[in-house]
Amino acid sequence: MTIKVLGTGCAKCRKLEEHAKEAVKTLGLDISVEKIEDVKSIMSYGVMMTPALVVDEVVKTVGKVPSVKDIVKILQP
């Protein structure tokens, strides 16, 4: 599983990264959360508003910071 947080470094982007890492820890997963800040890379996902959460190369959320609980639900099979 790959998890990416797309964002340019704003407060919401940092908060989403924190929530994603906490969700990974909660589930006991041994994976890292990658932060993508390059605008061209972000746009390659079709994302026009940040922050965005990408799981296994599929955009799951855009323009909001879901709670840790919500991210846990996204990550569970």
N, C-alpha and C. Protein backbone atom coordinates (compact mmCIF):
# COMPACT_ATOMS: atom_id res chain seq x y z
N MET A 1 0.85 -1.18 0.00
CA MET A 1 0.00 0.00 0.00
C MET A 1 0.89 1.24 0.00
N THR A 2 0.50 2.23 -0.79
CA THR A 2 1.20 3.50 -0.78
C THR A 2 0.23 4.60 -0.38
N ILE A 3 0.70 5.51 0.43
CA ILE A 3 -0.11 6.64 0.88
C ILE A 3 0.66 7.91 0.59
N LYS A 4 -0.02 8.84 -0.08
CA LYS A 4 0.60 10.12 -0.41
C LYS A 4 -0.31 11.25 0.03
N VAL A 5 0.31 12.29 0.55
CA VAL A 5 -0.41 13.51 0.87
C VAL A 5 0.05 14.55 -0.13
N LEU A 6 -0.88 15.09 -0.89
CA LEU A 6 -0.57 16.11 -1.88
C LEU A 6 -0.88 17.47 -1.29
N GLY A 7 0.12 18.34 -1.27
CA GLY A 7 -0.08 19.67 -0.73
C GLY A 7 1.20 20.48 -0.76
N THR A 8 1.04 21.78 -0.82
CA THR A 8 2.19 22.67 -0.98
C THR A 8 2.84 23.08 0.34
N GLY A 9 2.34 22.61 1.44
CA GLY A 9 2.95 22.93 2.73
C GLY A 9 2.10 23.82 3.62
N CYS A 10 0.86 24.04 3.25
CA CYS A 10 -0.04 24.86 4.07
C CYS A 10 -0.39 24.12 5.36
N ALA A 11 -1.04 24.81 6.27
CA ALA A 11 -1.41 24.23 7.56
C ALA A 11 -2.31 23.00 7.39
N LYS A 12 -3.28 23.08 6.47
CA LYS A 12 -4.18 21.94 6.25
C LYS A 12 -3.41 20.74 5.69
N CYS A 13 -2.43 21.01 4.84
CA CYS A 13 -1.63 19.93 4.26
C CYS A 13 -0.82 19.21 5.34
N ARG A 14 -0.24 19.99 6.23
CA ARG A 14 0.53 19.40 7.33
C ARG A 14 -0.38 18.61 8.27
N LYS A 15 -1.59 19.11 8.50
CA LYS A 15 -2.54 18.42 9.37
C LYS A 15 -2.98 17.09 8.75
N LEU A 16 -3.22 17.08 7.44
CA LEU A 16 -3.58 15.83 6.77
C LEU A 16 -2.44 14.82 6.86
N GLU A 17 -1.21 15.28 6.71
CA GLU A 17 -0.07 14.38 6.84
C GLU A 17 -0.02 13.78 8.25
N GLU A 18 -0.24 14.61 9.27
CA GLU A 18 -0.27 14.13 10.66
C GLU A 18 -1.38 13.09 10.84
N HIS A 19 -2.57 13.38 10.34
CA HIS A 19 -3.70 12.46 10.48
C HIS A 19 -3.43 11.14 9.75
N ALA A 20 -2.83 11.21 8.57
CA ALA A 20 -2.53 9.99 7.81
C ALA A 20 -1.53 9.13 8.57
N LYS A 21 -0.50 9.75 9.13
CA LYS A 21 0.51 9.00 9.89
C LYS A 21 -0.11 8.38 11.14
N GLU A 22 -1.00 9.10 11.79
CA GLU A 22 -1.67 8.57 12.98
C GLU A 22 -2.57 7.40 12.61
N ALA A 23 -3.26 7.47 11.47
CA ALA A 23 -4.12 6.38 11.02
C ALA A 23 -3.29 5.13 10.72
N VAL A 24 -2.14 5.32 10.08
CA VAL A 24 -1.24 4.20 9.80
C VAL A 24 -0.78 3.55 11.10
N LYS A 25 -0.43 4.39 12.07
CA LYS A 25 0.01 3.89 13.39
C LYS A 25 -1.13 3.15 14.09
N THR A 26 -2.34 3.71 14.02
CA THR A 26 -3.50 3.08 14.65
C THR A 26 -3.76 1.69 14.11
N LEU A 27 -3.57 1.53 12.79
CA LEU A 27 -3.81 0.24 12.14
C LEU A 27 -2.62 -0.71 12.26
N GLY A 28 -1.50 -0.21 12.79
CA GLY A 28 -0.31 -1.04 12.93
C GLY A 28 0.33 -1.39 11.60
N LEU A 29 0.18 -0.53 10.61
CA LEU A 29 0.75 -0.78 9.30
C LEU A 29 2.22 -0.35 9.26
N ASP A 30 3.01 -1.07 8.52
CA ASP A 30 4.43 -0.74 8.38
C ASP A 30 4.67 -0.09 7.02
N ILE A 31 4.06 1.07 6.84
CA ILE A 31 4.23 1.82 5.59
C ILE A 31 4.46 3.28 5.93
N SER A 32 5.08 3.99 5.00
CA SER A 32 5.34 5.41 5.24
C SER A 32 4.33 6.25 4.47
N VAL A 33 4.18 7.47 4.93
CA VAL A 33 3.31 8.44 4.26
C VAL A 33 4.23 9.40 3.51
N GLU A 34 4.05 9.44 2.20
CA GLU A 34 4.89 10.29 1.36
C GLU A 34 4.21 11.65 1.17
N LYS A 35 4.96 12.72 1.29
CA LYS A 35 4.43 14.08 1.10
C LYS A 35 4.88 14.57 -0.27
N ILE A 36 3.94 14.97 -1.10
CA ILE A 36 4.22 15.48 -2.44
C ILE A 36 3.90 16.98 -2.45
N GLU A 37 4.92 17.80 -2.69
CA GLU A 37 4.73 19.25 -2.68
C GLU A 37 4.88 19.89 -4.05
N ASP A 38 5.40 19.16 -5.02
CA ASP A 38 5.62 19.69 -6.36
C ASP A 38 4.27 19.88 -7.07
N VAL A 39 4.01 21.11 -7.52
CA VAL A 39 2.72 21.44 -8.11
C VAL A 39 2.43 20.60 -9.36
N LYS A 40 3.43 20.37 -10.19
CA LYS A 40 3.21 19.56 -11.40
C LYS A 40 2.83 18.12 -11.02
N SER A 41 3.48 17.58 -10.01
CA SER A 41 3.15 16.23 -9.55
C SER A 41 1.73 16.18 -9.00
N ILE A 42 1.37 17.20 -8.24
CA ILE A 42 0.01 17.26 -7.67
C ILE A 42 -1.02 17.31 -8.80
N MET A 43 -0.76 18.15 -9.79
CA MET A 43 -1.70 18.29 -10.91
C MET A 43 -1.79 17.03 -11.75
N SER A 44 -0.74 16.21 -11.75
CA SER A 44 -0.77 14.96 -12.52
C SER A 44 -1.84 13.99 -12.00
N TYR A 45 -2.27 14.20 -10.75
CA TYR A 45 -3.35 13.38 -10.17
C TYR A 45 -4.72 13.98 -10.48
N GLY A 46 -4.74 15.11 -11.18
CA GLY A 46 -6.01 15.78 -11.48
C GLY A 46 -6.54 16.58 -10.31
N VAL A 47 -5.68 16.83 -9.33
CA VAL A 47 -6.08 17.56 -8.13
C VAL A 47 -5.88 19.06 -8.35
N MET A 48 -6.94 19.81 -8.15
CA MET A 48 -6.86 21.27 -8.31
C MET A 48 -6.97 21.99 -6.98
N MET A 49 -7.28 21.25 -5.91
CA MET A 49 -7.40 21.85 -4.58
C MET A 49 -6.70 20.93 -3.59
N THR A 50 -5.89 21.51 -2.74
CA THR A 50 -5.18 20.72 -1.74
C THR A 50 -5.76 21.02 -0.36
N PRO A 51 -5.53 20.15 0.59
CA PRO A 51 -4.74 18.93 0.51
C PRO A 51 -5.54 17.79 -0.13
N ALA A 52 -4.81 16.77 -0.54
CA ALA A 52 -5.45 15.58 -1.10
C ALA A 52 -4.77 14.35 -0.54
N LEU A 53 -5.54 13.29 -0.38
CA LEU A 53 -5.02 12.01 0.10
C LEU A 53 -5.11 11.00 -1.04
N VAL A 54 -3.98 10.35 -1.31
CA VAL A 54 -3.90 9.36 -2.38
C VAL A 54 -3.49 8.02 -1.77
N VAL A 55 -4.28 6.99 -2.03
CA VAL A 55 -3.98 5.64 -1.53
C VAL A 55 -3.87 4.72 -2.73
N ASP A 56 -2.72 4.07 -2.87
CA ASP A 56 -2.47 3.18 -4.00
C ASP A 56 -2.78 3.86 -5.34
N GLU A 57 -2.32 5.11 -5.46
CA GLU A 57 -2.44 5.92 -6.68
C GLU A 57 -3.88 6.30 -7.03
N VAL A 58 -4.81 6.17 -6.08
CA VAL A 58 -6.19 6.58 -6.27
C VAL A 58 -6.48 7.74 -5.32
N VAL A 59 -6.95 8.86 -5.86
CA VAL A 59 -7.27 10.02 -5.03
C VAL A 59 -8.52 9.70 -4.20
N LYS A 60 -8.38 9.80 -2.88
CA LYS A 60 -9.48 9.46 -1.97
C LYS A 60 -10.19 10.69 -1.41
N THR A 61 -9.45 11.76 -1.13
CA THR A 61 -10.06 13.00 -0.63
C THR A 61 -9.36 14.19 -1.26
N VAL A 62 -10.11 15.28 -1.44
CA VAL A 62 -9.56 16.50 -2.02
C VAL A 62 -10.13 17.71 -1.28
N GLY A 63 -9.25 18.64 -0.93
CA GLY A 63 -9.69 19.91 -0.38
C GLY A 63 -10.19 19.89 1.04
N LYS A 64 -9.92 18.82 1.76
CA LYS A 64 -10.36 18.75 3.16
C LYS A 64 -9.39 17.92 3.97
N VAL A 65 -9.53 18.01 5.28
CA VAL A 65 -8.69 17.23 6.18
C VAL A 65 -9.59 16.25 6.93
N PRO A 66 -9.68 15.02 6.43
CA PRO A 66 -10.51 14.03 7.13
C PRO A 66 -9.90 13.69 8.49
N SER A 67 -10.74 13.26 9.40
CA SER A 67 -10.27 12.87 10.73
C SER A 67 -9.43 11.60 10.64
N VAL A 68 -8.70 11.33 11.69
CA VAL A 68 -7.92 10.08 11.76
C VAL A 68 -8.86 8.89 11.59
N LYS A 69 -10.01 8.96 12.24
CA LYS A 69 -11.01 7.88 12.16
C LYS A 69 -11.46 7.65 10.71
N ASP A 70 -11.69 8.73 9.98
CA ASP A 70 -12.11 8.61 8.58
C ASP A 70 -11.01 8.01 7.71
N ILE A 71 -9.77 8.40 7.98
CA ILE A 71 -8.65 7.85 7.21
C ILE A 71 -8.47 6.37 7.52
N VAL A 72 -8.66 5.99 8.76
CA VAL A 72 -8.59 4.56 9.13
C VAL A 72 -9.62 3.79 8.29
N LYS A 73 -10.83 4.31 8.16
CA LYS A 73 -11.86 3.64 7.35
C LYS A 73 -11.42 3.51 5.90
N ILE A 74 -10.79 4.56 5.37
CA ILE A 74 -10.32 4.53 3.98
C ILE A 74 -9.25 3.46 3.79
N LEU A 75 -8.39 3.30 4.78
CA LEU A 75 -7.25 2.39 4.66
C LEU A 75 -7.61 0.93 4.91
N GLN A 76 -8.70 0.68 5.60
CA GLN A 76 -9.09 -0.70 5.88
C GLN A 76 -9.63 -1.36 4.63
N PRO A 77 -9.31 -2.66 4.45
CA PRO A 77 -9.79 -3.37 3.24
C PRO A 77 -11.30 -3.56 3.23
